[in-house]
Protein backbone atom coordinates (compact mmCIF):
# COMPACT_ATOMS: atom_id res chain seq x y z
CA MET A 1 37.36 -8.18 6.93
CA GLN A 2 39.83 -7.38 9.71
CA ALA A 3 37.22 -5.09 11.24
CA ALA A 4 34.64 -7.90 11.29
CA GLU A 5 37.10 -10.20 13.06
CA LEU A 6 37.80 -7.55 15.68
CA PHE A 7 34.10 -6.81 16.22
CA GLU A 8 33.47 -10.56 16.62
CA GLN A 9 36.05 -10.51 19.44
CA ALA A 10 33.97 -7.77 21.16
CA ILE A 11 36.59 -5.10 20.50
CA LYS A 12 35.08 -1.61 20.60
CA PRO A 13 35.13 0.77 17.59
CA PRO A 14 37.73 3.18 19.09
CA GLU A 15 40.20 0.31 19.46
CA VAL A 16 39.38 -0.97 15.95
CA ALA A 17 40.06 2.53 14.60
CA ARG A 18 43.41 2.64 16.37
CA ARG A 19 44.48 -0.82 15.26
CA LEU A 20 43.42 -0.38 11.62
CA ARG A 21 44.54 3.26 11.46
CA VAL A 22 41.21 4.62 10.30
CA SER A 23 39.02 7.44 11.57
CA LEU A 24 36.78 6.91 14.53
CA LYS A 25 33.81 7.81 12.30
CA SER A 26 34.68 4.99 9.86
CA ALA A 27 35.04 2.47 12.68
CA TYR A 28 31.63 3.40 14.10
CA GLN A 29 30.05 3.19 10.61
CA TRP A 30 31.60 -0.24 10.09
CA HIS A 31 30.40 -1.36 13.52
CA GLN A 32 26.84 -0.30 12.68
CA LEU A 33 26.99 -2.13 9.34
CA TRP A 34 28.43 -5.21 11.02
CA ARG A 35 25.74 -5.15 13.73
CA ASP A 36 22.96 -4.82 11.15
CA GLY A 37 24.22 -7.23 8.48
CA GLY A 38 27.16 -9.19 9.80
CA ARG A 39 30.39 -9.88 7.98
CA GLU A 40 28.72 -9.71 4.54
CA ALA A 41 27.67 -6.09 5.16
CA LEU A 42 31.35 -5.10 5.38
CA ALA A 43 32.28 -6.70 2.04
CA SER A 44 33.59 -4.26 -0.57
CA ARG A 45 31.09 -3.00 -3.10
CA GLY A 46 33.79 -1.81 -5.51
CA PRO A 47 34.93 1.73 -6.17
CA SER A 48 32.57 4.51 -5.20
CA GLY A 49 31.58 7.48 -7.32
CA THR A 50 30.34 7.74 -10.84
CA ARG A 51 31.90 5.77 -13.66
CA CYS A 52 33.96 7.51 -16.31
CA ARG A 53 31.79 8.85 -19.12
CA LEU A 54 34.57 8.93 -21.68
CA SER A 55 34.55 6.23 -24.32
CA PRO A 56 37.69 4.06 -24.38
CA ARG A 57 38.77 5.83 -27.59
CA CYS A 58 38.40 9.29 -26.01
CA GLY A 59 40.29 8.13 -22.92
CA GLU A 60 43.19 6.95 -25.08
CA LYS A 61 43.22 10.27 -26.98
CA LEU A 62 43.26 12.22 -23.73
CA ALA A 63 46.13 10.13 -22.38
CA GLY A 64 48.07 10.85 -25.58
CA TYR A 65 47.47 14.60 -25.26
CA LEU A 66 48.60 14.57 -21.64
CA ASP A 67 51.77 12.64 -22.49
CA GLU A 68 52.60 15.16 -25.22
CA ALA A 69 52.03 18.13 -22.90
CA ARG A 70 54.26 16.76 -20.14
CA PRO A 71 57.90 17.93 -20.26
CA PRO A 72 60.67 15.32 -20.20
CA THR A 73 61.68 14.33 -16.68
CA ALA A 74 65.13 15.94 -16.64
CA GLY A 75 67.10 18.55 -18.52
CA TRP A 76 64.29 20.08 -20.58
CA ARG A 77 65.01 23.48 -22.04
CA THR A 78 63.31 26.73 -21.12
CA ARG A 79 63.61 30.15 -22.72
CA CYS A 80 66.31 30.89 -20.14
CA GLY A 81 68.40 27.76 -20.83
CA PRO A 82 68.40 24.18 -19.58
CA HIS A 83 66.13 23.49 -16.65
CA ARG A 84 68.08 22.33 -13.59
CA GLY A 85 65.25 22.10 -11.10
CA TRP A 86 63.30 24.67 -9.15
CA PRO A 87 65.19 27.29 -7.13
CA ARG A 88 65.10 26.79 -3.38
């Protein structure tokens, strides 16, 4: 909603992009939305993309597998001895 407030103050998209640290393209898209539909047009519509197709049970199983596959955070052993971090 910060963008809407700035547009209402007649601040141009390049300045909105600079102030909000977004791309110029995003600022111009927001400005077009704001011009066409006002403040409501800039309201969040939630996360984009497709929803996860895994069932909750499958998601929990996958998380368990990933936790098992991950090595401990420090001092795990390799075939060459204890791991002390990556060489530089």
